[in-house]
Every structure is written in C-alpha cells, then in structure tokens.
Amino acid sequence: MTGLFASGHIVDCIVAVLALEIAAFAVWRRSSLANAVVAALPGICLLLALRSALTGAGWTMIALWLMLSFPAHLADLWRRPP
C-alpha cells in the first residue's frame, strides 16, 4: 500500500473511478458528457496536484495544477443554472 501512495498510482486509481463516475452520471442524468467533465475538472486538477506532490515533482508543477483548478472551478460555476 505504501508503494501505491509513493508512486502516485493511488491518484491514478481515483481518477479512473472518477472517469467512470462521469460517464455514469452523464448517462443516468441524461446530461451532456461535457457538463459532467466540466463539473469534475476542478477535482481532477486538484488530484493531479496531489499526484505531483506525492511523486516529488517540483513546486512549479504542483502550483500549475492548483492554478488550473481555479479557472476550471469558475467554468463549472458559469455553466450551472442559477
């Protein structure tokens, strides 16, 4: 289990489950796949920041993913109905 965290593969597993959840949500709610992806994109960016931190990437890569999560969050808020 330690190796799963140290290699960052735990995040890969979580992103794979999230991808299945996005597809299931798009089918179940009969919404577009784009809406489901935009809703999940901020979380995916945060998970990729976590993966970068777990694998020892530089602070710039971690900061990049964290910065990308903000416009993704704004896009999610913009697409949601009031």
PDB file of N, CA and C in Angstrom:
ATOM      1  N   MET A   1       0.817  -1.188   0.000  1.00  0.00           N
ATOM      2  CA  MET A   1       0.000   0.000   0.000  1.00  0.00           C
ATOM      3  C   MET A   1       0.865   1.258   0.000  1.00  0.00           C
ATOM      4  N   THR A   2       1.997   1.195   0.686  1.00  0.00           N
ATOM      5  CA  THR A   2       2.896   2.345   0.722  1.00  0.00           C
ATOM      6  C   THR A   2       3.403   2.676  -0.674  1.00  0.00           C
ATOM      7  N   GLY A   3       3.713   1.658  -1.436  1.00  0.00           N
ATOM      8  CA  GLY A   3       4.185   1.867  -2.804  1.00  0.00           C
ATOM      9  C   GLY A   3       3.135   2.513  -3.687  1.00  0.00           C
ATOM     10  N   LEU A   4       1.888   2.191  -3.432  1.00  0.00           N
ATOM     11  CA  LEU A   4       0.789   2.779  -4.203  1.00  0.00           C
ATOM     12  C   LEU A   4       0.731   4.282  -3.995  1.00  0.00           C
ATOM     13  N   PHE A   5       0.968   4.725  -2.772  1.00  0.00           N
ATOM     14  CA  PHE A   5       0.965   6.154  -2.477  1.00  0.00           C
ATOM     15  C   PHE A   5       2.256   6.816  -2.950  1.00  0.00           C
ATOM     16  N   ALA A   6       3.387   6.170  -2.718  1.00  0.00           N
ATOM     17  CA  ALA A   6       4.680   6.759  -3.071  1.00  0.00           C
ATOM     18  C   ALA A   6       4.822   6.956  -4.576  1.00  0.00           C
ATOM     19  N   SER A   7       4.249   6.055  -5.351  1.00  0.00           N
ATOM     20  CA  SER A   7       4.356   6.162  -6.805  1.00  0.00           C
ATOM     21  C   SER A   7       3.294   7.073  -7.402  1.00  0.00           C
ATOM     22  N   GLY A   8       2.310   7.451  -6.608  1.00  0.00           N
ATOM     23  CA  GLY A   8       1.230   8.294  -7.118  1.00  0.00           C
ATOM     24  C   GLY A   8       0.144   7.514  -7.828  1.00  0.00           C
ATOM     25  N   HIS A   9       0.280   6.195  -7.884  1.00  0.00           N
ATOM     26  CA  HIS A   9      -0.715   5.385  -8.590  1.00  0.00           C
ATOM     27  C   HIS A   9      -2.069   5.378  -7.889  1.00  0.00           C
ATOM     28  N   ILE A  10      -2.096   5.724  -6.615  1.00  0.00           N
ATOM     29  CA  ILE A  10      -3.382   5.819  -5.924  1.00  0.00           C
ATOM     30  C   ILE A  10      -4.236   6.902  -6.571  1.00  0.00           C
ATOM     31  N   VAL A  11      -3.602   7.985  -6.989  1.00  0.00           N
ATOM     32  CA  VAL A  11      -4.333   9.060  -7.663  1.00  0.00           C
ATOM     33  C   VAL A  11      -4.810   8.582  -9.026  1.00  0.00           C
ATOM     34  N   ASP A  12      -4.007   7.789  -9.716  1.00  0.00           N
ATOM     35  CA  ASP A  12      -4.437   7.232 -10.998  1.00  0.00           C
ATOM     36  C   ASP A  12      -5.707   6.405 -10.820  1.00  0.00           C
ATOM     37  N   CYS A  13      -5.748   5.611  -9.758  1.00  0.00           N
ATOM     38  CA  CYS A  13      -6.940   4.797  -9.476  1.00  0.00           C
ATOM     39  C   CYS A  13      -8.153   5.681  -9.193  1.00  0.00           C
ATOM     40  N   ILE A  14      -7.940   6.743  -8.434  1.00  0.00           N
ATOM     41  CA  ILE A  14      -9.044   7.641  -8.102  1.00  0.00           C
ATOM     42  C   ILE A  14      -9.546   8.340  -9.360  1.00  0.00           C
ATOM     43  N   VAL A  15      -8.645   8.786 -10.231  1.00  0.00           N
ATOM     44  CA  VAL A  15      -9.052   9.448 -11.475  1.00  0.00           C
ATOM     45  C   VAL A  15      -9.800   8.466 -12.375  1.00  0.00           C
ATOM     46  N   ALA A  16      -9.392   7.200 -12.395  1.00  0.00           N
ATOM     47  CA  ALA A  16     -10.101   6.195 -13.190  1.00  0.00           C
ATOM     48  C   ALA A  16     -11.521   5.992 -12.669  1.00  0.00           C
ATOM     49  N   VAL A  17     -11.673   5.931 -11.352  1.00  0.00           N
ATOM     50  CA  VAL A  17     -13.012   5.802 -10.765  1.00  0.00           C
ATOM     51  C   VAL A  17     -13.841   7.047 -11.073  1.00  0.00           C
ATOM     52  N   LEU A  18     -13.209   8.199 -11.025  1.00  0.00           N
ATOM     53  CA  LEU A  18     -13.901   9.446 -11.328  1.00  0.00           C
ATOM     54  C   LEU A  18     -14.344   9.475 -12.784  1.00  0.00           C
ATOM     55  N   ALA A  19     -13.544   8.952 -13.687  1.00  0.00           N
ATOM     56  CA  ALA A  19     -13.927   8.883 -15.096  1.00  0.00           C
ATOM     57  C   ALA A  19     -15.157   7.993 -15.286  1.00  0.00           C
ATOM     58  N   LEU A  20     -15.187   6.868 -14.580  1.00  0.00           N
ATOM     59  CA  LEU A  20     -16.371   6.006 -14.639  1.00  0.00           C
ATOM     60  C   LEU A  20     -17.595   6.718 -14.064  1.00  0.00           C
ATOM     61  N   GLU A  21     -17.381   7.468 -12.994  1.00  0.00           N
ATOM     62  CA  GLU A  21     -18.473   8.220 -12.385  1.00  0.00           C
ATOM     63  C   GLU A  21     -19.001   9.291 -13.336  1.00  0.00           C
ATOM     64  N   ILE A  22     -18.113   9.957 -14.053  1.00  0.00           N
ATOM     65  CA  ILE A  22     -18.526  10.973 -15.024  1.00  0.00           C
ATOM     66  C   ILE A  22     -19.391  10.347 -16.102  1.00  0.00           C
ATOM     67  N   ALA A  23     -18.946   9.215 -16.634  1.00  0.00           N
ATOM     68  CA  ALA A  23     -19.721   8.537 -17.679  1.00  0.00           C
ATOM     69  C   ALA A  23     -21.073   8.072 -17.153  1.00  0.00           C
ATOM     70  N   ALA A  24     -21.092   7.497 -15.965  1.00  0.00           N
ATOM     71  CA  ALA A  24     -22.351   7.027 -15.389  1.00  0.00           C
ATOM     72  C   ALA A  24     -23.290   8.194 -15.105  1.00  0.00           C
ATOM     73  N   PHE A  25     -22.749   9.296 -14.626  1.00  0.00           N
ATOM     74  CA  PHE A  25     -23.569  10.466 -14.335  1.00  0.00           C
ATOM     75  C   PHE A  25     -24.175  11.029 -15.614  1.00  0.00           C
ATOM     76  N   ALA A  26     -23.374  11.077 -16.683  1.00  0.00           N
ATOM     77  CA  ALA A  26     -23.873  11.602 -17.951  1.00  0.00           C
ATOM     78  C   ALA A  26     -25.007  10.732 -18.488  1.00  0.00           C
ATOM     79  N   VAL A  27     -24.888   9.427 -18.309  1.00  0.00           N
ATOM     80  CA  VAL A  27     -25.939   8.521 -18.796  1.00  0.00           C
ATOM     81  C   VAL A  27     -27.164   8.573 -17.886  1.00  0.00           C
ATOM     82  N   TRP A  28     -26.936   8.530 -16.588  1.00  0.00           N
ATOM     83  CA  TRP A  28     -28.041   8.481 -15.629  1.00  0.00           C
ATOM     84  C   TRP A  28     -28.851   9.769 -15.641  1.00  0.00           C
ATOM     85  N   ARG A  29     -28.179  10.912 -15.655  1.00  0.00           N
ATOM     86  CA  ARG A  29     -28.870  12.194 -15.624  1.00  0.00           C
ATOM     87  C   ARG A  29     -29.273  12.674 -17.011  1.00  0.00           C
ATOM     88  N   ARG A  30     -28.862  11.931 -18.014  1.00  0.00           N
ATOM     89  CA  ARG A  30     -29.130  12.281 -19.409  1.00  0.00           C
ATOM     90  C   ARG A  30     -28.667  13.693 -19.732  1.00  0.00           C
ATOM     91  N   SER A  31     -27.563  14.056 -19.149  1.00  0.00           N
ATOM     92  CA  SER A  31     -26.950  15.348 -19.452  1.00  0.00           C
ATOM     93  C   SER A  31     -25.792  15.108 -20.404  1.00  0.00           C
ATOM     94  N   SER A  32     -25.263  16.181 -20.922  1.00  0.00           N
ATOM     95  CA  SER A  32     -24.155  16.016 -21.854  1.00  0.00           C
ATOM     96  C   SER A  32     -22.892  15.597 -21.101  1.00  0.00           C
ATOM     97  N   LEU A  33     -22.057  14.902 -21.792  1.00  0.00           N
ATOM     98  CA  LEU A  33     -20.791  14.473 -21.217  1.00  0.00           C
ATOM     99  C   LEU A  33     -19.928  15.688 -20.891  1.00  0.00           C
ATOM    100  N   ALA A  34     -20.040  16.732 -21.704  1.00  0.00           N
ATOM    101  CA  ALA A  34     -19.259  17.951 -21.460  1.00  0.00           C
ATOM    102  C   ALA A  34     -19.614  18.570 -20.111  1.00  0.00           C
ATOM    103  N   ASN A  35     -20.900  18.580 -19.761  1.00  0.00           N
ATOM    104  CA  ASN A  35     -21.305  19.125 -18.461  1.00  0.00           C
ATOM    105  C   ASN A  35     -20.707  18.321 -17.316  1.00  0.00           C
ATOM    106  N   ALA A  36     -20.690  17.024 -17.454  1.00  0.00           N
ATOM    107  CA  ALA A  36     -20.133  16.171 -16.408  1.00  0.00           C
ATOM    108  C   ALA A  36     -18.623  16.361 -16.286  1.00  0.00           C
ATOM    109  N   VAL A  37     -17.947  16.515 -17.412  1.00  0.00           N
ATOM    110  CA  VAL A  37     -16.499  16.707 -17.390  1.00  0.00           C
ATOM    111  C   VAL A  37     -16.151  18.055 -16.765  1.00  0.00           C
ATOM    112  N   VAL A  38     -16.882  19.099 -17.148  1.00  0.00           N
ATOM    113  CA  VAL A  38     -16.618  20.426 -16.587  1.00  0.00           C
ATOM    114  C   VAL A  38     -16.868  20.427 -15.081  1.00  0.00           C
ATOM    115  N   ALA A  39     -17.864  19.684 -14.631  1.00  0.00           N
ATOM    116  CA  ALA A  39     -18.145  19.607 -13.200  1.00  0.00           C
ATOM    117  C   ALA A  39     -17.030  18.890 -12.450  1.00  0.00           C
ATOM    118  N   ALA A  40     -16.403  17.921 -13.072  1.00  0.00           N
ATOM    119  CA  ALA A  40     -15.358  17.141 -12.405  1.00  0.00           C
ATOM    120  C   ALA A  40     -13.954  17.702 -12.600  1.00  0.00           C
ATOM    121  N   LEU A  41     -13.781  18.612 -13.537  1.00  0.00           N
ATOM    122  CA  LEU A  41     -12.448  19.105 -13.878  1.00  0.00           C
ATOM    123  C   LEU A  41     -11.706  19.771 -12.719  1.00  0.00           C
ATOM    124  N   PRO A  42     -12.351  20.586 -11.886  1.00  0.00           N
ATOM    125  CA  PRO A  42     -11.590  21.150 -10.753  1.00  0.00           C
ATOM    126  C   PRO A  42     -11.044  20.074  -9.819  1.00  0.00           C
ATOM    127  N   GLY A  43     -11.822  19.058  -9.564  1.00  0.00           N
ATOM    128  CA  GLY A  43     -11.360  17.964  -8.712  1.00  0.00           C
ATOM    129  C   GLY A  43     -10.232  17.182  -9.348  1.00  0.00           C
ATOM    130  N   ILE A  44     -10.304  16.998 -10.646  1.00  0.00           N
ATOM    131  CA  ILE A  44      -9.232  16.293 -11.350  1.00  0.00           C
ATOM    132  C   ILE A  44      -7.936  17.095 -11.265  1.00  0.00           C
ATOM    133  N   CYS A  45      -8.035  18.408 -11.428  1.00  0.00           N
ATOM    134  CA  CYS A  45      -6.837  19.247 -11.301  1.00  0.00           C
ATOM    135  C   CYS A  45      -6.238  19.137  -9.902  1.00  0.00           C
ATOM    136  N   LEU A  46      -7.076  19.132  -8.891  1.00  0.00           N
ATOM    137  CA  LEU A  46      -6.573  19.004  -7.523  1.00  0.00           C
ATOM    138  C   LEU A  46      -5.940  17.631  -7.298  1.00  0.00           C
ATOM    139  N   LEU A  47      -6.533  16.602  -7.872  1.00  0.00           N
ATOM    140  CA  LEU A  47      -5.941  15.267  -7.758  1.00  0.00           C
ATOM    141  C   LEU A  47      -4.587  15.200  -8.454  1.00  0.00           C
ATOM    142  N   LEU A  48      -4.459  15.861  -9.590  1.00  0.00           N
ATOM    143  CA  LEU A  48      -3.175  15.862 -10.286  1.00  0.00           C
ATOM    144  C   LEU A  48      -2.129  16.669  -9.518  1.00  0.00           C
ATOM    145  N   ALA A  49      -2.557  17.698  -8.798  1.00  0.00           N
ATOM    146  CA  ALA A  49      -1.627  18.411  -7.911  1.00  0.00           C
ATOM    147  C   ALA A  49      -1.153  17.481  -6.796  1.00  0.00           C
ATOM    148  N   LEU A  50      -2.079  16.706  -6.253  1.00  0.00           N
ATOM    149  CA  LEU A  50      -1.710  15.726  -5.229  1.00  0.00           C
ATOM    150  C   LEU A  50      -0.734  14.699  -5.786  1.00  0.00           C
ATOM    151  N   ARG A  51      -0.990  14.211  -6.993  1.00  0.00           N
ATOM    152  CA  ARG A  51      -0.094  13.227  -7.611  1.00  0.00           C
ATOM    153  C   ARG A  51       1.298  13.817  -7.797  1.00  0.00           C
ATOM    154  N   SER A  52       1.341  15.075  -8.227  1.00  0.00           N
ATOM    155  CA  SER A  52       2.640  15.735  -8.392  1.00  0.00           C
ATOM    156  C   SER A  52       3.385  15.820  -7.063  1.00  0.00           C
ATOM    157  N   ALA A  53       2.663  16.143  -6.007  1.00  0.00           N
ATOM    158  CA  ALA A  53       3.290  16.245  -4.687  1.00  0.00           C
ATOM    159  C   ALA A  53       3.771  14.878  -4.200  1.00  0.00           C
ATOM    160  N   LEU A  54       2.970  13.847  -4.411  1.00  0.00           N
ATOM    161  CA  LEU A  54       3.342  12.500  -3.957  1.00  0.00           C
ATOM    162  C   LEU A  54       4.558  11.960  -4.690  1.00  0.00           C
ATOM    163  N   THR A  55       4.711  12.338  -5.953  1.00  0.00           N
ATOM    164  CA  THR A  55       5.815  11.801  -6.741  1.00  0.00           C
ATOM    165  C   THR A  55       7.056  12.666  -6.689  1.00  0.00           C
ATOM    166  N   GLY A  56       7.008  13.752  -5.917  1.00  0.00           N
ATOM    167  CA  GLY A  56       8.193  14.581  -5.745  1.00  0.00           C
ATOM    168  C   GLY A  56       8.437  15.570  -6.859  1.00  0.00           C
ATOM    169  N   ALA A  57       7.398  15.938  -7.580  1.00  0.00           N
ATOM    170  CA  ALA A  57       7.548  16.942  -8.633  1.00  0.00           C
ATOM    171  C   ALA A  57       7.887  18.284  -8.005  1.00  0.00           C
ATOM    172  N   GLY A  58       8.401  19.156  -8.804  1.00  0.00           N
ATOM    173  CA  GLY A  58       8.758  20.482  -8.306  1.00  0.00           C
ATOM    174  C   GLY A  58       7.529  21.293  -7.933  1.00  0.00           C
ATOM    175  N   TRP A  59       7.783  22.352  -7.173  1.00  0.00           N
ATOM    176  CA  TRP A  59       6.667  23.170  -6.703  1.00  0.00           C
ATOM    177  C   TRP A  59       5.951  23.838  -7.860  1.00  0.00           C
ATOM    178  N   THR A  60       6.652  24.063  -8.971  1.00  0.00           N
ATOM    179  CA  THR A  60       6.008  24.720 -10.108  1.00  0.00           C
ATOM    180  C   THR A  60       4.915  23.845 -10.716  1.00  0.00           C
ATOM    181  N   MET A  61       5.156  22.551 -10.777  1.00  0.00           N
ATOM    182  CA  MET A  61       4.142  21.643 -11.320  1.00  0.00           C
ATOM    183  C   MET A  61       2.943  21.562 -10.387  1.00  0.00           C
ATOM    184  N   ILE A  62       3.193  21.509  -9.101  1.00  0.00           N
ATOM    185  CA  ILE A  62       2.097  21.473  -8.129  1.00  0.00           C
ATOM    186  C   ILE A  62       1.293  22.765  -8.220  1.00  0.00           C
ATOM    187  N   ALA A  63       1.996  23.891  -8.295  1.00  0.00           N
ATOM    188  CA  ALA A  63       1.328  25.188  -8.393  1.00  0.00           C
ATOM    189  C   ALA A  63       0.545  25.304  -9.701  1.00  0.00           C
ATOM    190  N   LEU A  64       1.063  24.747 -10.775  1.00  0.00           N
ATOM    191  CA  LEU A  64       0.360  24.789 -12.059  1.00  0.00           C
ATOM    192  C   LEU A  64      -0.998  24.109 -11.963  1.00  0.00           C
ATOM    193  N   TRP A  65      -1.027  22.900 -11.392  1.00  0.00           N
ATOM    194  CA  TRP A  65      -2.292  22.179 -11.266  1.00  0.00           C
ATOM    195  C   TRP A  65      -3.255  22.912 -10.333  1.00  0.00           C
ATOM    196  N   LEU A  66      -2.708  23.492  -9.267  1.00  0.00           N
ATOM    197  CA  LEU A  66      -3.567  24.254  -8.353  1.00  0.00           C
ATOM    198  C   LEU A  66      -4.126  25.491  -9.038  1.00  0.00           C
ATOM    199  N   MET A  67      -3.311  26.163  -9.839  1.00  0.00           N
ATOM    200  CA  MET A  67      -3.796  27.347 -10.560  1.00  0.00           C
ATOM    201  C   MET A  67      -4.819  26.972 -11.618  1.00  0.00           C
ATOM    202  N   LEU A  68      -4.643  25.852 -12.284  1.00  0.00           N
ATOM    203  CA  LEU A  68      -5.601  25.425 -13.306  1.00  0.00           C
ATOM    204  C   LEU A  68      -6.944  25.027 -12.701  1.00  0.00           C
ATOM    205  N   SER A  69      -6.934  24.630 -11.447  1.00  0.00           N
ATOM    206  CA  SER A  69      -8.203  24.236 -10.829  1.00  0.00           C
ATOM    207  C   SER A  69      -9.130  25.435 -10.639  1.00  0.00           C
ATOM    208  N   PHE A  70      -8.581  26.641 -10.482  1.00  0.00           N
ATOM    209  CA  PHE A  70      -9.428  27.815 -10.263  1.00  0.00           C
ATOM    210  C   PHE A  70     -10.243  28.176 -11.499  1.00  0.00           C
ATOM    211  N   PRO A  71      -9.645  28.332 -12.698  1.00  0.00           N
ATOM    212  CA  PRO A  71     -10.492  28.611 -13.861  1.00  0.00           C
ATOM    213  C   PRO A  71     -11.445  27.459 -14.182  1.00  0.00           C
ATOM    214  N   ALA A  72     -11.030  26.234 -13.875  1.00  0.00           N
ATOM    215  CA  ALA A  72     -11.930  25.099 -14.084  1.00  0.00           C
ATOM    216  C   ALA A  72     -13.134  25.211 -13.150  1.00  0.00           C
ATOM    217  N   HIS A  73     -12.890  25.646 -11.925  1.00  0.00           N
ATOM    218  CA  HIS A  73     -13.983  25.844 -10.971  1.00  0.00           C
ATOM    219  C   HIS A  73     -14.901  26.966 -11.439  1.00  0.00           C
ATOM    220  N   LEU A  74     -14.326  28.045 -11.928  1.00  0.00           N
ATOM    221  CA  LEU A  74     -15.144  29.151 -12.441  1.00  0.00           C
ATOM    222  C   LEU A  74     -15.976  28.703 -13.641  1.00  0.00           C
ATOM    223  N   ALA A  75     -15.385  27.901 -14.524  1.00  0.00           N
ATOM    224  CA  ALA A  75     -16.148  27.377 -15.665  1.00  0.00           C
ATOM    225  C   ALA A  75     -17.291  26.506 -15.210  1.00  0.00           C
ATOM    226  N   ASP A  76     -17.071  25.715 -14.177  1.00  0.00           N
ATOM    227  CA  ASP A  76     -18.132  24.884 -13.622  1.00  0.00           C
ATOM    228  C   ASP A  76     -19.260  25.746 -13.063  1.00  0.00           C
ATOM    229  N   LEU A  77     -18.900  26.774 -12.322  1.00  0.00           N
ATOM    230  CA  LEU A  77     -19.921  27.662 -11.768  1.00  0.00           C
ATOM    231  C   LEU A  77     -20.672  28.405 -12.869  1.00  0.00           C
ATOM    232  N   TRP A  78     -19.981  28.812 -13.919  1.00  0.00           N
ATOM    233  CA  TRP A  78     -20.599  29.544 -15.006  1.00  0.00           C
ATOM    234  C   TRP A  78     -21.605  28.693 -15.777  1.00  0.00           C
ATOM    235  N   ARG A  79     -21.322  27.402 -15.937  1.00  0.00           N
ATOM    236  CA  ARG A  79     -22.199  26.517 -16.696  1.00  0.00           C
ATOM    237  C   ARG A  79     -23.430  26.048 -15.919  1.00  0.00           C
ATOM    238  N   ARG A  80     -23.373  26.164 -14.604  1.00  0.00           N
ATOM    239  CA  ARG A  80     -24.505  25.699 -13.801  1.00  0.00           C
ATOM    240  C   ARG A  80     -25.652  26.696 -13.853  1.00  0.00           C
ATOM    241  N   PRO A  81     -26.864  26.190 -13.912  1.00  0.00           N
ATOM    242  CA  PRO A  81     -28.006  27.126 -13.925  1.00  0.00           C
ATOM    243  C   PRO A  81     -28.165  27.792 -12.545  1.00  0.00           C
ATOM    244  N   PRO A  82     -28.698  29.017 -12.530  1.00  0.00           N
ATOM    245  CA  PRO A  82     -28.864  29.717 -11.242  1.00  0.00           C
ATOM    246  C   PRO A  82     -29.898  29.081 -10.348  1.00  0.00           C
TER     247      PRO A  82
END
